[in-house]
Amino acid sequence: MPDTKKHEKYDMILDALQQLLTEKKIQNISVSEIAQKAGIGKGSIYYYFPSKDAILDALIERSYETPLHTAKNLAAQTDIAPFTRMAMLFQACRNSSTAFIKENNNSPDNASAQDLAFLHHKYLTHVISELKPALTEIIKQGIESGDIHFDSPAALAEIVLIVLAVKLDNSLLPSTPDEIEETVQGLIALLEKGTDIEQGTLSYLSLTPYE
């Protein structure tokens, strides 16, 4: 089968699940229903995905693919200063958070709090896991160049991404713009002191408004 045909059917499956999520709760959607909505046989589903959960993971990945892919490509451009590339990754975090909030605002009335929490968990896991390797590499490069002083670049990358992802999507711990700004300012202070970089270097993290 040509690769284009495989890709088309793959997207048909994701489109089917996305449509079903606007009609009913996650736990009430079966693989058979996804296949029926996609207009393909149930067996074809398992050619591409081992389970319904895997389809959902792929749907979330596709939904936020563009800002994350763009950021990771930019982060790999070593001719750009480390802190500039860090800013690009943080902006990707903001962009994907905005997309997630918009998606939640358009959720059907029958979407339960449990459904939204489940999707939110998958979203955060995806964003953090996708951005962590790129941010870790940037921090390592900053350490090697003497711009950043820290012994555990991977741990630092994870801490930053967790704080930003959770606060900026503003759904797990709903906060006012002022509260989000206060948290971001606290993160900036900790990062600048903890990595021994000049005060104000990370001021670009404080980009209001937070909506």
C-alpha atoms as a PDB file:
ATOM      1  CA  MET A   1       0.000   0.000   0.000  1.00  0.00           C
ATOM      2  CA  PRO A   2       1.462   3.428  -0.876  1.00  0.00           C
ATOM      3  CA  ASP A   3       2.595   5.525   2.086  1.00  0.00           C
ATOM      4  CA  THR A   4       0.099   8.255   1.182  1.00  0.00           C
ATOM      5  CA  LYS A   5      -2.757   5.761   1.506  1.00  0.00           C
ATOM      6  CA  LYS A   6      -1.473   4.640   4.898  1.00  0.00           C
ATOM      7  CA  HIS A   7      -1.283   8.236   6.049  1.00  0.00           C
ATOM      8  CA  GLU A   8      -4.791   8.956   4.809  1.00  0.00           C
ATOM      9  CA  LYS A   9      -6.277   6.025   6.713  1.00  0.00           C
ATOM     10  CA  TYR A  10      -4.253   6.947   9.825  1.00  0.00           C
ATOM     11  CA  ASP A  11      -5.741  10.446   9.721  1.00  0.00           C
ATOM     12  CA  MET A  12      -9.218   9.058   9.087  1.00  0.00           C
ATOM     13  CA  ILE A  13      -8.985   7.105  12.333  1.00  0.00           C
ATOM     14  CA  LEU A  14      -7.852  10.180  14.271  1.00  0.00           C
ATOM     15  CA  ASP A  15     -10.570  12.311  12.669  1.00  0.00           C
ATOM     16  CA  ALA A  16     -13.166   9.726  13.658  1.00  0.00           C
ATOM     17  CA  LEU A  17     -12.101   9.750  17.305  1.00  0.00           C
ATOM     18  CA  GLN A  18     -11.982  13.542  17.337  1.00  0.00           C
ATOM     19  CA  GLN A  19     -15.563  13.671  16.048  1.00  0.00           C
ATOM     20  CA  LEU A  20     -16.757  11.067  18.559  1.00  0.00           C
ATOM     21  CA  LEU A  21     -15.219  13.069  21.406  1.00  0.00           C
ATOM     22  CA  THR A  22     -17.647  15.886  20.565  1.00  0.00           C
ATOM     23  CA  GLU A  23     -20.575  13.489  20.802  1.00  0.00           C
ATOM     24  CA  LYS A  24     -19.933  11.307  23.847  1.00  0.00           C
ATOM     25  CA  LYS A  25     -17.697  10.602  26.800  1.00  0.00           C
ATOM     26  CA  ILE A  26     -14.312   8.957  26.316  1.00  0.00           C
ATOM     27  CA  GLN A  27     -15.146   5.828  28.303  1.00  0.00           C
ATOM     28  CA  ASN A  28     -18.229   5.231  26.158  1.00  0.00           C
ATOM     29  CA  ILE A  29     -16.330   5.238  22.862  1.00  0.00           C
ATOM     30  CA  SER A  30     -15.344   1.827  21.527  1.00  0.00           C
ATOM     31  CA  VAL A  31     -12.826   0.831  18.875  1.00  0.00           C
ATOM     32  CA  SER A  32     -15.749  -0.511  16.829  1.00  0.00           C
ATOM     33  CA  GLU A  33     -17.413   2.913  16.878  1.00  0.00           C
ATOM     34  CA  ILE A  34     -14.190   4.580  15.798  1.00  0.00           C
ATOM     35  CA  ALA A  35     -13.901   2.138  12.894  1.00  0.00           C
ATOM     36  CA  GLN A  36     -17.526   2.708  11.902  1.00  0.00           C
ATOM     37  CA  LYS A  37     -17.141   6.485  12.049  1.00  0.00           C
ATOM     38  CA  ALA A  38     -13.957   6.255   9.957  1.00  0.00           C
ATOM     39  CA  GLY A  39     -15.665   3.979   7.452  1.00  0.00           C
ATOM     40  CA  ILE A  40     -13.110   1.195   7.776  1.00  0.00           C
ATOM     41  CA  GLY A  41     -13.021  -2.289   9.252  1.00  0.00           C
ATOM     42  CA  LYS A  42     -12.244  -2.788  12.923  1.00  0.00           C
ATOM     43  CA  GLY A  43      -9.261  -4.945  11.992  1.00  0.00           C
ATOM     44  CA  SER A  44      -7.741  -2.027  10.113  1.00  0.00           C
ATOM     45  CA  ILE A  45      -7.688  -0.015  13.340  1.00  0.00           C
ATOM     46  CA  TYR A  46      -5.351  -2.518  14.954  1.00  0.00           C
ATOM     47  CA  TYR A  47      -3.027  -2.345  11.961  1.00  0.00           C
ATOM     48  CA  TYR A  48      -2.250   1.226  12.999  1.00  0.00           C
ATOM     49  CA  PHE A  49      -2.964   1.296  16.733  1.00  0.00           C
ATOM     50  CA  PRO A  50      -2.833  -1.355  19.478  1.00  0.00           C
ATOM     51  CA  SER A  51      -5.629   0.255  21.530  1.00  0.00           C
ATOM     52  CA  LYS A  52      -8.086   3.118  21.852  1.00  0.00           C
ATOM     53  CA  ASP A  53      -5.688   4.787  24.274  1.00  0.00           C
ATOM     54  CA  ALA A  54      -2.976   4.751  21.598  1.00  0.00           C
ATOM     55  CA  ILE A  55      -5.364   6.456  19.162  1.00  0.00           C
ATOM     56  CA  LEU A  56      -6.054   9.150  21.742  1.00  0.00           C
ATOM     57  CA  ASP A  57      -2.320   9.680  22.298  1.00  0.00           C
ATOM     58  CA  ALA A  58      -1.820  10.079  18.545  1.00  0.00           C
ATOM     59  CA  LEU A  59      -4.716  12.537  18.327  1.00  0.00           C
ATOM     60  CA  ILE A  60      -3.224  14.718  21.061  1.00  0.00           C
ATOM     61  CA  GLU A  61       0.182  14.540  19.383  1.00  0.00           C
ATOM     62  CA  ARG A  62      -1.316  15.650  16.057  1.00  0.00           C
ATOM     63  CA  SER A  63      -3.297  18.458  17.678  1.00  0.00           C
ATOM     64  CA  TYR A  64      -0.169  20.139  19.069  1.00  0.00           C
ATOM     65  CA  GLU A  65       2.341  18.990  16.457  1.00  0.00           C
ATOM     66  CA  THR A  66       2.863  22.297  14.654  1.00  0.00           C
ATOM     67  CA  PRO A  67       4.050  24.598  17.494  1.00  0.00           C
ATOM     68  CA  LEU A  68       6.139  21.848  19.090  1.00  0.00           C
ATOM     69  CA  HIS A  69       7.778  20.772  15.821  1.00  0.00           C
ATOM     70  CA  THR A  70       8.591  24.384  14.957  1.00  0.00           C
ATOM     71  CA  ALA A  71      10.133  25.026  18.353  1.00  0.00           C
ATOM     72  CA  LYS A  72      12.273  21.890  18.285  1.00  0.00           C
ATOM     73  CA  ASN A  73      13.593  22.761  14.832  1.00  0.00           C
ATOM     74  CA  LEU A  74      14.500  26.258  15.954  1.00  0.00           C
ATOM     75  CA  ALA A  75      16.073  24.933  19.144  1.00  0.00           C
ATOM     76  CA  ALA A  76      18.471  22.838  17.066  1.00  0.00           C
ATOM     77  CA  GLN A  77      19.934  25.922  15.392  1.00  0.00           C
ATOM     78  CA  THR A  78      23.169  26.181  17.343  1.00  0.00           C
ATOM     79  CA  ASP A  79      24.121  29.464  15.674  1.00  0.00           C
ATOM     80  CA  ILE A  80      21.394  31.108  17.772  1.00  0.00           C
ATOM     81  CA  ALA A  81      22.203  32.044  21.387  1.00  0.00           C
ATOM     82  CA  PRO A  82      21.058  29.463  24.017  1.00  0.00           C
ATOM     83  CA  PHE A  83      18.711  31.844  25.807  1.00  0.00           C
ATOM     84  CA  THR A  84      17.074  32.875  22.541  1.00  0.00           C
ATOM     85  CA  ARG A  85      16.417  29.228  21.716  1.00  0.00           C
ATOM     86  CA  MET A  86      15.066  28.675  25.220  1.00  0.00           C
ATOM     87  CA  ALA A  87      12.641  31.516  24.569  1.00  0.00           C
ATOM     88  CA  MET A  88      11.484  29.736  21.412  1.00  0.00           C
ATOM     89  CA  LEU A  89      10.721  26.592  23.394  1.00  0.00           C
ATOM     90  CA  PHE A  90       8.852  28.536  26.047  1.00  0.00           C
ATOM     91  CA  GLN A  91       6.800  30.224  23.339  1.00  0.00           C
ATOM     92  CA  ALA A  92       5.936  26.785  21.969  1.00  0.00           C
ATOM     93  CA  CYS A  93       4.740  25.864  25.443  1.00  0.00           C
ATOM     94  CA  ARG A  94       2.494  28.932  25.414  1.00  0.00           C
ATOM     95  CA  ASN A  95       1.193  28.180  21.915  1.00  0.00           C
ATOM     96  CA  SER A  96       0.308  24.588  22.706  1.00  0.00           C
ATOM     97  CA  SER A  97      -1.316  25.680  25.966  1.00  0.00           C
ATOM     98  CA  THR A  98      -3.454  28.176  24.058  1.00  0.00           C
ATOM     99  CA  ALA A  99      -4.510  25.423  21.678  1.00  0.00           C
ATOM    100  CA  PHE A 100      -5.422  23.150  24.569  1.00  0.00           C
ATOM    101  CA  ILE A 101      -7.482  25.849  26.304  1.00  0.00           C
ATOM    102  CA  LYS A 102      -9.333  26.601  23.047  1.00  0.00           C
ATOM    103  CA  GLU A 103     -10.049  22.898  22.566  1.00  0.00           C
ATOM    104  CA  ASN A 104     -11.406  22.619  26.112  1.00  0.00           C
ATOM    105  CA  ASN A 105     -13.591  25.690  25.674  1.00  0.00           C
ATOM    106  CA  ASN A 106     -15.171  23.985  22.671  1.00  0.00           C
ATOM    107  CA  SER A 107     -15.801  20.724  24.536  1.00  0.00           C
ATOM    108  CA  PRO A 108     -19.367  19.405  24.402  1.00  0.00           C
ATOM    109  CA  ASP A 109     -21.681  19.913  27.330  1.00  0.00           C
ATOM    110  CA  ASN A 110     -21.620  16.185  28.048  1.00  0.00           C
ATOM    111  CA  ALA A 111     -17.837  16.162  28.511  1.00  0.00           C
ATOM    112  CA  SER A 112     -17.275  15.235  32.136  1.00  0.00           C
ATOM    113  CA  ALA A 113     -14.688  16.704  34.474  1.00  0.00           C
ATOM    114  CA  GLN A 114     -13.076  13.270  34.488  1.00  0.00           C
ATOM    115  CA  ASP A 115     -12.776  13.344  30.681  1.00  0.00           C
ATOM    116  CA  LEU A 116     -11.179  16.783  30.693  1.00  0.00           C
ATOM    117  CA  ALA A 117      -8.779  15.803  33.467  1.00  0.00           C
ATOM    118  CA  PHE A 118      -7.796  12.689  31.523  1.00  0.00           C
ATOM    119  CA  LEU A 119      -7.147  14.679  28.344  1.00  0.00           C
ATOM    120  CA  HIS A 120      -5.290  17.324  30.328  1.00  0.00           C
ATOM    121  CA  HIS A 121      -2.969  14.715  31.831  1.00  0.00           C
ATOM    122  CA  LYS A 122      -2.166  13.324  28.397  1.00  0.00           C
ATOM    123  CA  TYR A 123      -1.598  16.816  27.030  1.00  0.00           C
ATOM    124  CA  LEU A 124       0.858  17.763  29.778  1.00  0.00           C
ATOM    125  CA  THR A 125       2.716  14.472  29.439  1.00  0.00           C
ATOM    126  CA  HIS A 126       3.065  14.994  25.707  1.00  0.00           C
ATOM    127  CA  VAL A 127       4.245  18.609  25.887  1.00  0.00           C
ATOM    128  CA  ILE A 128       6.798  17.973  28.637  1.00  0.00           C
ATOM    129  CA  SER A 129       8.190  14.777  27.099  1.00  0.00           C
ATOM    130  CA  GLU A 130       8.464  16.376  23.639  1.00  0.00           C
ATOM    131  CA  LEU A 131      10.183  19.566  24.764  1.00  0.00           C
ATOM    132  CA  LYS A 132      12.420  18.165  27.522  1.00  0.00           C
ATOM    133  CA  PRO A 133      15.173  16.647  25.286  1.00  0.00           C
ATOM    134  CA  ALA A 134      15.486  19.856  23.256  1.00  0.00           C
ATOM    135  CA  LEU A 135      15.585  22.099  26.328  1.00  0.00           C
ATOM    136  CA  THR A 136      18.063  19.765  28.041  1.00  0.00           C
ATOM    137  CA  GLU A 137      20.389  19.999  25.028  1.00  0.00           C
ATOM    138  CA  ILE A 138      20.163  23.789  25.006  1.00  0.00           C
ATOM    139  CA  ILE A 139      21.006  23.931  28.720  1.00  0.00           C
ATOM    140  CA  LYS A 140      23.965  21.577  28.165  1.00  0.00           C
ATOM    141  CA  GLN A 141      25.253  23.848  25.421  1.00  0.00           C
ATOM    142  CA  GLY A 142      24.829  26.834  27.730  1.00  0.00           C
ATOM    143  CA  ILE A 143      26.812  25.027  30.438  1.00  0.00           C
ATOM    144  CA  GLU A 144      29.603  24.165  27.994  1.00  0.00           C
ATOM    145  CA  SER A 145      29.823  27.769  26.819  1.00  0.00           C
ATOM    146  CA  GLY A 146      29.880  29.068  30.398  1.00  0.00           C
ATOM    147  CA  ASP A 147      26.590  30.941  30.057  1.00  0.00           C
ATOM    148  CA  ILE A 148      24.748  28.617  32.473  1.00  0.00           C
ATOM    149  CA  HIS A 149      26.030  27.050  35.683  1.00  0.00           C
ATOM    150  CA  PHE A 150      24.098  23.966  36.758  1.00  0.00           C
ATOM    151  CA  ASP A 151      24.972  20.306  37.330  1.00  0.00           C
ATOM    152  CA  SER A 152      21.749  18.592  36.196  1.00  0.00           C
ATOM    153  CA  PRO A 153      20.508  19.985  32.862  1.00  0.00           C
ATOM    154  CA  ALA A 154      17.795  17.338  32.401  1.00  0.00           C
ATOM    155  CA  ALA A 155      16.366  17.959  35.864  1.00  0.00           C
ATOM    156  CA  LEU A 156      16.398  21.707  35.307  1.00  0.00           C
ATOM    157  CA  ALA A 157      14.642  21.320  31.946  1.00  0.00           C
ATOM    158  CA  GLU A 158      11.929  19.168  33.510  1.00  0.00           C
ATOM    159  CA  ILE A 159      11.341  21.564  36.401  1.00  0.00           C
ATOM    160  CA  VAL A 160      10.966  24.548  34.075  1.00  0.00           C
ATOM    161  CA  LEU A 161       8.634  22.729  31.692  1.00  0.00           C
ATOM    162  CA  ILE A 162       6.416  21.361  34.444  1.00  0.00           C
ATOM    163  CA  VAL A 163       5.943  24.788  36.011  1.00  0.00           C
ATOM    164  CA  LEU A 164       5.312  26.528  32.684  1.00  0.00           C
ATOM    165  CA  ALA A 165       3.056  23.840  31.239  1.00  0.00           C
ATOM    166  CA  VAL A 166       0.879  23.602  34.344  1.00  0.00           C
ATOM    167  CA  LYS A 167       0.600  27.338  34.936  1.00  0.00           C
ATOM    168  CA  LEU A 168       0.216  28.483  31.338  1.00  0.00           C
ATOM    169  CA  ASP A 169      -2.535  26.100  30.328  1.00  0.00           C
ATOM    170  CA  ASN A 170      -4.330  27.322  33.471  1.00  0.00           C
ATOM    171  CA  SER A 171      -6.730  24.410  33.719  1.00  0.00           C
ATOM    172  CA  LEU A 172      -5.207  22.131  36.353  1.00  0.00           C
ATOM    173  CA  LEU A 173      -4.725  24.976  38.836  1.00  0.00           C
ATOM    174  CA  PRO A 174      -6.892  27.860  37.589  1.00  0.00           C
ATOM    175  CA  SER A 175      -5.257  31.191  38.421  1.00  0.00           C
ATOM    176  CA  THR A 176      -5.752  34.863  37.707  1.00  0.00           C
ATOM    177  CA  PRO A 177      -3.314  36.607  35.322  1.00  0.00           C
ATOM    178  CA  ASP A 178      -1.655  38.248  38.342  1.00  0.00           C
ATOM    179  CA  GLU A 179      -1.189  34.883  40.066  1.00  0.00           C
ATOM    180  CA  ILE A 180       0.323  33.351  36.936  1.00  0.00           C
ATOM    181  CA  GLU A 181       2.649  36.337  36.568  1.00  0.00           C
ATOM    182  CA  GLU A 182       3.712  35.980  40.200  1.00  0.00           C
ATOM    183  CA  THR A 183       4.565  32.305  39.674  1.00  0.00           C
ATOM    184  CA  VAL A 184       6.508  33.050  36.488  1.00  0.00           C
ATOM    185  CA  GLN A 185       8.416  35.831  38.248  1.00  0.00           C
ATOM    186  CA  GLY A 186       9.280  33.397  41.038  1.00  0.00           C
ATOM    187  CA  LEU A 187      10.512  30.876  38.498  1.00  0.00           C
ATOM    188  CA  ILE A 188      12.649  33.550  36.829  1.00  0.00           C
ATOM    189  CA  ALA A 189      14.248  34.513  40.139  1.00  0.00           C
ATOM    190  CA  LEU A 190      14.996  30.897  41.047  1.00  0.00           C
ATOM    191  CA  LEU A 191      16.462  30.141  37.616  1.00  0.00           C
ATOM    192  CA  GLU A 192      18.669  33.209  37.519  1.00  0.00           C
ATOM    193  CA  LYS A 193      20.010  32.662  41.024  1.00  0.00           C
ATOM    194  CA  GLY A 194      20.256  28.875  40.720  1.00  0.00           C
ATOM    195  CA  THR A 195      22.143  28.958  37.416  1.00  0.00           C
ATOM    196  CA  ASP A 196      24.298  31.962  38.289  1.00  0.00           C
ATOM    197  CA  ILE A 197      23.250  34.026  35.309  1.00  0.00           C
ATOM    198  CA  GLU A 198      22.827  37.776  35.169  1.00  0.00           C
ATOM    199  CA  GLN A 199      19.621  39.145  36.653  1.00  0.00           C
ATOM    200  CA  GLY A 200      17.139  40.042  33.950  1.00  0.00           C
ATOM    201  CA  THR A 201      18.479  37.525  31.427  1.00  0.00           C
ATOM    202  CA  LEU A 202      15.252  35.522  31.588  1.00  0.00           C
ATOM    203  CA  SER A 203      12.891  38.486  31.661  1.00  0.00           C
ATOM    204  CA  TYR A 204      11.440  37.325  28.339  1.00  0.00           C
ATOM    205  CA  LEU A 205       9.593  34.616  30.303  1.00  0.00           C
ATOM    206  CA  SER A 206       7.343  37.309  31.712  1.00  0.00           C
ATOM    207  CA  LEU A 207       5.264  38.010  28.627  1.00  0.00           C
ATOM    208  CA  THR A 208       1.783  39.195  29.578  1.00  0.00           C
ATOM    209  CA  PRO A 209      -1.112  38.989  29.136  1.00  0.00           C
ATOM    210  CA  TYR A 210      -1.865  35.461  30.324  1.00  0.00           C
ATOM    211  CA  GLU A 211      -5.324  34.461  29.199  1.00  0.00           C
END
